[in-house]
């Protein structure tokens, strides 16, 4: 498998891979709704969204999302490699 070609394809074809991956998942939507509720509760516990604590938390969430973007890409490449192995 040409890993760099597949990586390039992934980055060009999937502008928003999360949306594509979970677009039909009722389970994901249910869990997302729970997370949104928890996010609202946590923001209130932190004193709202204009506090230093909330801004640091938001920075943390951004870093975590970046990490998950890399993981999603690597899982895609793993799937492509597995498909290639199965076709042999």
N, C-alpha and C. Protein backbone atom coordinates (compact mmCIF):
# COMPACT_ATOMS: atom_id res chain seq x y z
N UNK A 1 0.85 -1.18 0.00
CA UNK A 1 0.00 0.00 0.00
C UNK A 1 0.89 1.24 0.00
N UNK A 2 0.54 2.20 -0.81
CA UNK A 2 1.24 3.47 -0.82
C UNK A 2 0.63 4.35 0.27
N UNK A 3 1.25 4.32 1.42
CA UNK A 3 0.70 4.98 2.60
C UNK A 3 0.57 6.49 2.41
N UNK A 4 1.54 7.12 1.78
CA UNK A 4 1.47 8.57 1.59
C UNK A 4 0.36 8.94 0.60
N UNK A 5 0.15 8.12 -0.42
CA UNK A 5 -0.97 8.38 -1.34
C UNK A 5 -2.29 8.26 -0.59
N UNK A 6 -2.44 7.21 0.21
CA UNK A 6 -3.69 7.02 0.96
C UNK A 6 -3.89 8.16 1.97
N UNK A 7 -2.82 8.62 2.59
CA UNK A 7 -2.91 9.73 3.53
C UNK A 7 -3.37 10.99 2.79
N UNK A 8 -2.79 11.24 1.64
CA UNK A 8 -3.16 12.39 0.83
C UNK A 8 -4.62 12.29 0.37
N UNK A 9 -5.03 11.10 -0.06
CA UNK A 9 -6.42 10.87 -0.47
C UNK A 9 -7.36 11.15 0.68
N UNK A 10 -7.05 10.62 1.83
CA UNK A 10 -7.88 10.82 3.02
C UNK A 10 -8.05 12.31 3.31
N UNK A 11 -6.95 13.03 3.31
CA UNK A 11 -6.99 14.45 3.66
C UNK A 11 -7.76 15.28 2.63
N UNK A 12 -7.72 14.87 1.37
CA UNK A 12 -8.44 15.60 0.33
C UNK A 12 -9.92 15.20 0.29
N UNK A 13 -10.20 13.92 0.46
CA UNK A 13 -11.56 13.41 0.29
C UNK A 13 -12.43 13.64 1.52
N UNK A 14 -11.84 13.58 2.69
CA UNK A 14 -12.60 13.71 3.93
C UNK A 14 -12.29 15.02 4.64
N UNK A 15 -12.99 16.07 4.24
CA UNK A 15 -12.80 17.36 4.90
C UNK A 15 -13.30 17.30 6.34
N UNK A 16 -14.37 16.56 6.57
CA UNK A 16 -14.95 16.40 7.90
C UNK A 16 -15.22 14.90 8.15
N UNK A 17 -14.16 14.14 8.43
CA UNK A 17 -14.31 12.69 8.54
C UNK A 17 -15.25 12.24 9.65
N UNK A 18 -15.32 13.00 10.75
CA UNK A 18 -16.22 12.60 11.83
C UNK A 18 -17.66 12.56 11.35
N UNK A 19 -18.05 13.62 10.64
CA UNK A 19 -19.42 13.69 10.15
C UNK A 19 -19.74 12.51 9.25
N UNK A 20 -18.82 12.17 8.38
CA UNK A 20 -19.02 11.06 7.44
C UNK A 20 -19.08 9.72 8.19
N UNK A 21 -18.21 9.56 9.16
CA UNK A 21 -18.11 8.28 9.86
C UNK A 21 -19.33 7.97 10.73
N UNK A 22 -19.95 8.98 11.29
CA UNK A 22 -21.04 8.73 12.25
C UNK A 22 -22.39 9.28 11.80
N UNK A 23 -22.50 9.63 10.54
CA UNK A 23 -23.71 10.31 10.06
C UNK A 23 -25.00 9.50 10.27
N UNK A 24 -24.91 8.20 10.32
CA UNK A 24 -26.10 7.36 10.47
C UNK A 24 -26.18 6.65 11.82
N UNK A 25 -25.29 7.00 12.71
CA UNK A 25 -25.22 6.29 13.99
C UNK A 25 -26.12 6.92 15.04
N UNK A 26 -27.17 6.22 15.38
CA UNK A 26 -28.06 6.69 16.46
C UNK A 26 -27.33 6.63 17.80
N UNK A 27 -26.51 5.64 17.97
CA UNK A 27 -25.75 5.49 19.22
C UNK A 27 -24.84 6.69 19.43
N UNK A 28 -24.16 7.10 18.36
CA UNK A 28 -23.27 8.26 18.47
C UNK A 28 -24.06 9.50 18.85
N UNK A 29 -25.17 9.74 18.20
CA UNK A 29 -25.99 10.93 18.49
C UNK A 29 -26.47 10.91 19.95
N UNK A 30 -26.83 9.73 20.44
CA UNK A 30 -27.28 9.61 21.83
C UNK A 30 -26.14 9.96 22.79
N UNK A 31 -24.97 9.43 22.52
CA UNK A 31 -23.81 9.70 23.38
C UNK A 31 -23.36 11.16 23.25
N UNK A 32 -23.47 11.72 22.07
CA UNK A 32 -23.12 13.12 21.86
C UNK A 32 -24.05 14.02 22.67
N UNK A 33 -25.31 13.70 22.71
CA UNK A 33 -26.28 14.48 23.47
C UNK A 33 -25.92 14.47 24.97
N UNK A 34 -25.52 13.31 25.45
CA UNK A 34 -25.08 13.19 26.85
C UNK A 34 -23.86 14.07 27.10
N UNK A 35 -22.91 14.03 26.19
CA UNK A 35 -21.69 14.83 26.35
C UNK A 35 -22.01 16.32 26.33
N UNK A 36 -22.89 16.74 25.46
CA UNK A 36 -23.28 18.15 25.43
C UNK A 36 -23.89 18.58 26.77
N UNK A 37 -24.71 17.73 27.34
CA UNK A 37 -25.32 18.05 28.64
C UNK A 37 -24.24 18.16 29.72
N UNK A 38 -23.31 17.22 29.71
CA UNK A 38 -22.21 17.26 30.67
C UNK A 38 -21.34 18.49 30.47
N UNK A 39 -21.13 18.89 29.23
CA UNK A 39 -20.36 20.07 28.92
C UNK A 39 -21.03 21.32 29.52
N UNK A 40 -22.33 21.42 29.36
CA UNK A 40 -23.07 22.55 29.93
C UNK A 40 -22.95 22.57 31.46
N UNK A 41 -23.09 21.40 32.08
CA UNK A 41 -22.98 21.30 33.53
C UNK A 41 -21.58 21.67 34.01
N UNK A 42 -20.59 21.18 33.30
CA UNK A 42 -19.20 21.48 33.68
C UNK A 42 -18.90 22.96 33.53
N UNK A 43 -19.37 23.58 32.44
CA UNK A 43 -19.15 25.01 32.25
C UNK A 43 -19.78 25.80 33.39
N UNK A 44 -20.96 25.42 33.80
CA UNK A 44 -21.62 26.10 34.92
C UNK A 44 -20.82 25.92 36.21
N UNK A 45 -20.30 24.73 36.45
CA UNK A 45 -19.50 24.46 37.65
C UNK A 45 -18.20 25.28 37.64
N UNK A 46 -17.69 25.58 36.45
CA UNK A 46 -16.45 26.35 36.31
C UNK A 46 -16.70 27.86 36.40
N UNK A 47 -17.95 28.24 36.52
CA UNK A 47 -18.26 29.67 36.63
C UNK A 47 -18.56 30.33 35.31
N UNK A 48 -18.88 29.55 34.31
CA UNK A 48 -19.21 30.09 32.99
C UNK A 48 -18.05 29.98 32.03
N UNK A 49 -18.29 30.48 30.81
CA UNK A 49 -17.30 30.31 29.75
C UNK A 49 -16.26 31.42 29.70
N UNK A 50 -16.37 32.43 30.55
CA UNK A 50 -15.41 33.53 30.55
C UNK A 50 -14.39 33.44 31.67
N UNK A 51 -14.21 32.26 32.24
CA UNK A 51 -13.24 32.11 33.32
C UNK A 51 -11.94 31.53 32.77
N UNK A 52 -10.86 31.76 33.48
CA UNK A 52 -9.56 31.20 33.08
C UNK A 52 -9.61 29.68 33.08
N UNK A 53 -10.33 29.11 34.07
CA UNK A 53 -10.45 27.66 34.15
C UNK A 53 -11.16 27.11 32.91
N UNK A 54 -12.24 27.74 32.49
CA UNK A 54 -12.96 27.26 31.31
C UNK A 54 -12.09 27.41 30.06
N UNK A 55 -11.39 28.52 29.93
CA UNK A 55 -10.53 28.71 28.76
C UNK A 55 -9.44 27.65 28.70
N UNK A 56 -8.88 27.29 29.85
CA UNK A 56 -7.86 26.23 29.89
C UNK A 56 -8.48 24.89 29.51
N UNK A 57 -9.68 24.64 30.02
CA UNK A 57 -10.40 23.41 29.67
C UNK A 57 -10.68 23.37 28.16
N UNK A 58 -11.09 24.49 27.60
CA UNK A 58 -11.37 24.56 26.16
C UNK A 58 -10.09 24.30 25.35
N UNK A 59 -8.98 24.82 25.85
CA UNK A 59 -7.68 24.58 25.20
C UNK A 59 -7.34 23.09 25.25
N UNK A 60 -7.59 22.47 26.39
CA UNK A 60 -7.38 21.03 26.55
C UNK A 60 -8.25 20.24 25.56
N UNK A 61 -9.52 20.61 25.46
CA UNK A 61 -10.44 19.91 24.54
C UNK A 61 -9.95 20.07 23.10
N UNK A 62 -9.46 21.24 22.75
CA UNK A 62 -8.92 21.46 21.41
C UNK A 62 -7.72 20.55 21.12
N UNK A 63 -6.84 20.43 22.11
CA UNK A 63 -5.67 19.55 21.95
C UNK A 63 -6.11 18.10 21.82
N UNK A 64 -7.11 17.72 22.60
CA UNK A 64 -7.64 16.35 22.53
C UNK A 64 -8.27 16.10 21.16
N UNK A 65 -8.99 17.07 20.64
CA UNK A 65 -9.61 16.91 19.32
C UNK A 65 -8.54 16.76 18.24
N UNK A 66 -7.46 17.52 18.35
CA UNK A 66 -6.36 17.37 17.39
C UNK A 66 -5.77 15.97 17.46
N UNK A 67 -5.62 15.47 18.67
CA UNK A 67 -5.11 14.11 18.87
C UNK A 67 -6.04 13.09 18.22
N UNK A 68 -7.33 13.26 18.39
CA UNK A 68 -8.30 12.34 17.81
C UNK A 68 -8.33 12.42 16.28
N UNK A 69 -8.05 13.60 15.73
CA UNK A 69 -7.95 13.73 14.27
C UNK A 69 -6.83 12.86 13.73
N UNK A 70 -5.69 12.87 14.41
CA UNK A 70 -4.56 12.04 14.00
C UNK A 70 -4.94 10.56 14.14
N UNK A 71 -5.59 10.20 15.24
CA UNK A 71 -5.98 8.81 15.44
C UNK A 71 -6.95 8.35 14.36
N UNK A 72 -7.91 9.20 14.02
CA UNK A 72 -8.89 8.83 13.00
C UNK A 72 -8.20 8.59 11.65
N UNK A 73 -7.25 9.43 11.32
CA UNK A 73 -6.50 9.25 10.07
C UNK A 73 -5.71 7.94 10.10
N UNK A 74 -5.06 7.66 11.22
CA UNK A 74 -4.27 6.43 11.32
C UNK A 74 -5.17 5.18 11.28
N UNK A 75 -6.34 5.26 11.87
CA UNK A 75 -7.28 4.13 11.81
C UNK A 75 -7.75 3.92 10.37
N UNK A 76 -7.97 5.02 9.65
CA UNK A 76 -8.34 4.92 8.24
C UNK A 76 -7.23 4.19 7.46
N UNK A 77 -5.98 4.58 7.71
CA UNK A 77 -4.86 3.93 7.03
C UNK A 77 -4.74 2.47 7.41
N UNK A 78 -5.01 2.16 8.66
CA UNK A 78 -4.99 0.76 9.10
C UNK A 78 -6.06 -0.04 8.37
N UNK A 79 -7.25 0.56 8.22
CA UNK A 79 -8.32 -0.11 7.48
C UNK A 79 -7.94 -0.33 6.02
N UNK A 80 -7.27 0.66 5.42
CA UNK A 80 -6.85 0.52 4.04
C UNK A 80 -5.82 -0.60 3.90
N UNK A 81 -4.90 -0.68 4.87
CA UNK A 81 -3.90 -1.74 4.85
C UNK A 81 -4.56 -3.11 5.04
N UNK A 82 -5.50 -3.20 5.96
CA UNK A 82 -6.21 -4.46 6.17
C UNK A 82 -6.96 -4.89 4.91
N UNK A 83 -7.59 -3.93 4.23
CA UNK A 83 -8.31 -4.24 2.99
C UNK A 83 -7.35 -4.80 1.95
N UNK A 84 -6.18 -4.17 1.83
CA UNK A 84 -5.19 -4.65 0.88
C UNK A 84 -4.75 -6.08 1.21
N UNK A 85 -4.56 -6.38 2.48
CA UNK A 85 -4.18 -7.73 2.89
C UNK A 85 -5.27 -8.74 2.56
N UNK A 86 -6.53 -8.36 2.78
CA UNK A 86 -7.65 -9.26 2.50
C UNK A 86 -7.80 -9.55 1.02
N UNK A 87 -7.43 -8.62 0.18
CA UNK A 87 -7.58 -8.80 -1.26
C UNK A 87 -6.48 -9.68 -1.86
N UNK A 88 -5.45 -9.94 -1.09
CA UNK A 88 -4.35 -10.79 -1.60
C UNK A 88 -4.74 -12.24 -1.57
